[in-house]
Amino acid sequence: MDVSTLQLQANHNRALGFVIGGYGSLWGIIGLLALVFGLLNITDEGLGGFAAMVILFGVALPALLFAICALVCAVGLWQGRRWSRSATGGLAVLHLLGALFLLANQLWVPGLLGIAISAAAWWYLRRSHR
């Protein structure tokens, strides 16, 4: 590979890192909002307390974990780390599984959007690798 090809691939990785970082930031905001909602309602009795626990462990925790992983991948892509492309591909697979879960639960718009984002990430990773 010549220098211009390597520079182009580095620019592609930085662009993908920027997109993944922005998406991870959005998930971080969603996770923090769910965390606040869950903590504010955890002392409710009956179904209110149960709903708070579901929000905490079913939404807030996975969203925050995904956000942290996405931000770590984004920093790795931005810095040109070798592991970051593989980690981003793995993150896209996890995101695809989450999108399929949303589709199975009749949440069509977020599920289809999640599939589109996962497919775009995989396509971009494969295209920029050549």
C-alpha atoms as a PDB file:
ATOM      1  CA  MET A   1       0.000   0.000   0.000  1.00  0.00           C
ATOM      2  CA  ASP A   2       1.245   3.428  -0.804  1.00  0.00           C
ATOM      3  CA  VAL A   3       1.148   6.437   1.508  1.00  0.00           C
ATOM      4  CA  SER A   4      -1.957   8.001  -0.055  1.00  0.00           C
ATOM      5  CA  THR A   5      -3.957   4.793   0.434  1.00  0.00           C
ATOM      6  CA  LEU A   6      -2.913   4.570   4.070  1.00  0.00           C
ATOM      7  CA  GLN A   7      -3.835   8.220   4.605  1.00  0.00           C
ATOM      8  CA  LEU A   8      -7.244   7.659   2.994  1.00  0.00           C
ATOM      9  CA  GLN A   9      -7.888   4.646   5.230  1.00  0.00           C
ATOM     10  CA  ALA A  10      -6.893   6.700   8.294  1.00  0.00           C
ATOM     11  CA  ASN A  11      -9.339   9.419   7.245  1.00  0.00           C
ATOM     12  CA  HIS A  12     -12.089   6.803   6.833  1.00  0.00           C
ATOM     13  CA  ASN A  13     -11.368   5.443  10.312  1.00  0.00           C
ATOM     14  CA  ARG A  14     -11.532   8.941  11.789  1.00  0.00           C
ATOM     15  CA  ALA A  15     -14.838   9.651  10.053  1.00  0.00           C
ATOM     16  CA  LEU A  16     -16.293   6.374  11.321  1.00  0.00           C
ATOM     17  CA  GLY A  17     -14.939   7.154  14.789  1.00  0.00           C
ATOM     18  CA  PHE A  18     -16.731  10.483  14.732  1.00  0.00           C
ATOM     19  CA  VAL A  19     -20.026   8.841  13.754  1.00  0.00           C
ATOM     20  CA  ILE A  20     -19.674   6.013  16.299  1.00  0.00           C
ATOM     21  CA  GLY A  21     -18.759   8.522  19.002  1.00  0.00           C
ATOM     22  CA  GLY A  22     -21.798  10.653  18.260  1.00  0.00           C
ATOM     23  CA  TYR A  23     -24.064   7.623  18.278  1.00  0.00           C
ATOM     24  CA  GLY A  24     -22.509   6.424  21.525  1.00  0.00           C
ATOM     25  CA  SER A  25     -23.092   9.857  23.049  1.00  0.00           C
ATOM     26  CA  LEU A  26     -26.778   9.637  22.148  1.00  0.00           C
ATOM     27  CA  TRP A  27     -27.004   6.243  23.830  1.00  0.00           C
ATOM     28  CA  GLY A  28     -25.231   7.706  26.852  1.00  0.00           C
ATOM     29  CA  ILE A  29     -27.859  10.438  27.128  1.00  0.00           C
ATOM     30  CA  ILE A  30     -30.660   7.863  26.828  1.00  0.00           C
ATOM     31  CA  GLY A  31     -28.997   5.723  29.488  1.00  0.00           C
ATOM     32  CA  LEU A  32     -28.553   8.653  31.863  1.00  0.00           C
ATOM     33  CA  LEU A  33     -32.181   9.735  31.445  1.00  0.00           C
ATOM     34  CA  ALA A  34     -33.357   6.176  32.107  1.00  0.00           C
ATOM     35  CA  LEU A  35     -31.053   5.967  35.123  1.00  0.00           C
ATOM     36  CA  VAL A  36     -32.482   9.170  36.600  1.00  0.00           C
ATOM     37  CA  PHE A  37     -36.058   7.998  35.948  1.00  0.00           C
ATOM     38  CA  GLY A  38     -35.370   4.623  37.508  1.00  0.00           C
ATOM     39  CA  LEU A  39     -33.656   6.055  40.579  1.00  0.00           C
ATOM     40  CA  LEU A  40     -36.394   8.622  41.140  1.00  0.00           C
ATOM     41  CA  ASN A  41     -39.105   5.948  41.022  1.00  0.00           C
ATOM     42  CA  ILE A  42     -37.350   3.084  42.779  1.00  0.00           C
ATOM     43  CA  THR A  43     -39.017   3.825  46.129  1.00  0.00           C
ATOM     44  CA  ASP A  44     -42.547   3.551  44.691  1.00  0.00           C
ATOM     45  CA  GLU A  45     -44.622   0.664  45.935  1.00  0.00           C
ATOM     46  CA  GLY A  46     -46.090  -2.074  43.772  1.00  0.00           C
ATOM     47  CA  LEU A  47     -45.719  -1.850  40.015  1.00  0.00           C
ATOM     48  CA  GLY A  48     -44.049   1.575  40.191  1.00  0.00           C
ATOM     49  CA  GLY A  49     -41.039   0.073  41.944  1.00  0.00           C
ATOM     50  CA  PHE A  50     -41.008  -2.892  39.568  1.00  0.00           C
ATOM     51  CA  ALA A  51     -41.136  -0.582  36.542  1.00  0.00           C
ATOM     52  CA  ALA A  52     -38.223   1.391  37.972  1.00  0.00           C
ATOM     53  CA  MET A  53     -36.169  -1.800  38.340  1.00  0.00           C
ATOM     54  CA  VAL A  54     -37.014  -2.821  34.770  1.00  0.00           C
ATOM     55  CA  ILE A  55     -35.919   0.606  33.526  1.00  0.00           C
ATOM     56  CA  LEU A  56     -32.705   0.481  35.564  1.00  0.00           C
ATOM     57  CA  PHE A  57     -31.614  -3.014  34.573  1.00  0.00           C
ATOM     58  CA  GLY A  58     -33.350  -3.374  31.209  1.00  0.00           C
ATOM     59  CA  VAL A  59     -32.722   0.053  29.689  1.00  0.00           C
ATOM     60  CA  ALA A  60     -30.287   2.220  31.648  1.00  0.00           C
ATOM     61  CA  LEU A  61     -27.564  -0.349  32.288  1.00  0.00           C
ATOM     62  CA  PRO A  62     -27.449  -1.782  28.722  1.00  0.00           C
ATOM     63  CA  ALA A  63     -27.621   1.708  27.188  1.00  0.00           C
ATOM     64  CA  LEU A  64     -24.770   2.986  29.350  1.00  0.00           C
ATOM     65  CA  LEU A  65     -22.643  -0.104  28.645  1.00  0.00           C
ATOM     66  CA  PHE A  66     -23.251   0.268  24.913  1.00  0.00           C
ATOM     67  CA  ALA A  67     -22.396   3.975  25.109  1.00  0.00           C
ATOM     68  CA  ILE A  68     -19.116   3.282  26.912  1.00  0.00           C
ATOM     69  CA  CYS A  69     -18.159   0.596  24.377  1.00  0.00           C
ATOM     70  CA  ALA A  70     -19.067   2.876  21.459  1.00  0.00           C
ATOM     71  CA  LEU A  71     -17.010   5.745  22.866  1.00  0.00           C
ATOM     72  CA  VAL A  72     -14.016   3.457  23.449  1.00  0.00           C
ATOM     73  CA  CYS A  73     -14.306   2.215  19.845  1.00  0.00           C
ATOM     74  CA  ALA A  74     -14.611   5.797  18.592  1.00  0.00           C
ATOM     75  CA  VAL A  75     -11.445   6.879  20.389  1.00  0.00           C
ATOM     76  CA  GLY A  76      -9.636   3.799  19.079  1.00  0.00           C
ATOM     77  CA  LEU A  77     -10.736   4.524  15.509  1.00  0.00           C
ATOM     78  CA  TRP A  78      -9.749   8.167  15.839  1.00  0.00           C
ATOM     79  CA  GLN A  79      -6.285   7.200  17.102  1.00  0.00           C
ATOM     80  CA  GLY A  80      -5.850   4.513  14.456  1.00  0.00           C
ATOM     81  CA  ARG A  81      -5.632   1.542  16.816  1.00  0.00           C
ATOM     82  CA  ARG A  82      -5.676  -1.850  15.128  1.00  0.00           C
ATOM     83  CA  TRP A  83      -8.155  -3.390  17.588  1.00  0.00           C
ATOM     84  CA  SER A  84     -10.745  -0.679  17.048  1.00  0.00           C
ATOM     85  CA  ARG A  85     -12.014  -1.952  13.686  1.00  0.00           C
ATOM     86  CA  SER A  86     -12.659  -5.436  15.105  1.00  0.00           C
ATOM     87  CA  ALA A  87     -14.271  -3.998  18.226  1.00  0.00           C
ATOM     88  CA  THR A  88     -16.504  -1.754  16.109  1.00  0.00           C
ATOM     89  CA  GLY A  89     -17.556  -4.777  14.029  1.00  0.00           C
ATOM     90  CA  GLY A  90     -18.413  -6.671  17.205  1.00  0.00           C
ATOM     91  CA  LEU A  91     -20.346  -3.694  18.483  1.00  0.00           C
ATOM     92  CA  ALA A  92     -22.292  -3.587  15.201  1.00  0.00           C
ATOM     93  CA  VAL A  93     -23.231  -7.260  15.671  1.00  0.00           C
ATOM     94  CA  LEU A  94     -24.451  -6.564  19.229  1.00  0.00           C
ATOM     95  CA  HIS A  95     -26.387  -3.592  17.936  1.00  0.00           C
ATOM     96  CA  LEU A  96     -27.957  -5.782  15.243  1.00  0.00           C
ATOM     97  CA  LEU A  97     -29.091  -8.283  17.886  1.00  0.00           C
ATOM     98  CA  GLY A  98     -30.665  -5.452  19.874  1.00  0.00           C
ATOM     99  CA  ALA A  99     -32.425  -4.191  16.756  1.00  0.00           C
ATOM    100  CA  LEU A 100     -33.808  -7.661  16.045  1.00  0.00           C
ATOM    101  CA  PHE A 101     -35.065  -7.796  19.637  1.00  0.00           C
ATOM    102  CA  LEU A 102     -36.871  -4.487  19.078  1.00  0.00           C
ATOM    103  CA  LEU A 103     -38.430  -5.827  15.881  1.00  0.00           C
ATOM    104  CA  ALA A 104     -39.579  -8.960  17.689  1.00  0.00           C
ATOM    105  CA  ASN A 105     -41.343  -6.725  20.221  1.00  0.00           C
ATOM    106  CA  GLN A 106     -43.223  -4.771  17.531  1.00  0.00           C
ATOM    107  CA  LEU A 107     -41.032  -1.647  17.801  1.00  0.00           C
ATOM    108  CA  TRP A 108     -40.680  -1.214  14.057  1.00  0.00           C
ATOM    109  CA  VAL A 109     -39.061   2.199  13.649  1.00  0.00           C
ATOM    110  CA  PRO A 110     -36.217   1.787  16.189  1.00  0.00           C
ATOM    111  CA  GLY A 111     -35.690  -1.812  15.053  1.00  0.00           C
ATOM    112  CA  LEU A 112     -35.405  -0.943  11.370  1.00  0.00           C
ATOM    113  CA  LEU A 113     -33.213   2.055  12.182  1.00  0.00           C
ATOM    114  CA  GLY A 114     -30.951  -0.180  14.253  1.00  0.00           C
ATOM    115  CA  ILE A 115     -30.641  -2.690  11.412  1.00  0.00           C
ATOM    116  CA  ALA A 116     -29.799   0.118   8.986  1.00  0.00           C
ATOM    117  CA  ILE A 117     -27.123   1.541  11.297  1.00  0.00           C
ATOM    118  CA  SER A 118     -25.567  -1.888  11.903  1.00  0.00           C
ATOM    119  CA  ALA A 119     -25.543  -2.697   8.181  1.00  0.00           C
ATOM    120  CA  ALA A 120     -24.032   0.697   7.361  1.00  0.00           C
ATOM    121  CA  ALA A 121     -21.272   0.200   9.934  1.00  0.00           C
ATOM    122  CA  TRP A 122     -20.439  -3.251   8.538  1.00  0.00           C
ATOM    123  CA  TRP A 123     -20.493  -1.965   4.962  1.00  0.00           C
ATOM    124  CA  TYR A 124     -18.240   0.949   5.875  1.00  0.00           C
ATOM    125  CA  LEU A 125     -15.790  -1.299   7.734  1.00  0.00           C
ATOM    126  CA  ARG A 126     -15.598  -3.725   4.807  1.00  0.00           C
ATOM    127  CA  ARG A 127     -15.346  -1.003   2.142  1.00  0.00           C
ATOM    128  CA  SER A 128     -12.617   1.000   3.845  1.00  0.00           C
ATOM    129  CA  HIS A 129     -10.535  -2.123   4.525  1.00  0.00           C
ATOM    130  CA  ARG A 130      -9.748  -2.752   0.849  1.00  0.00           C
END
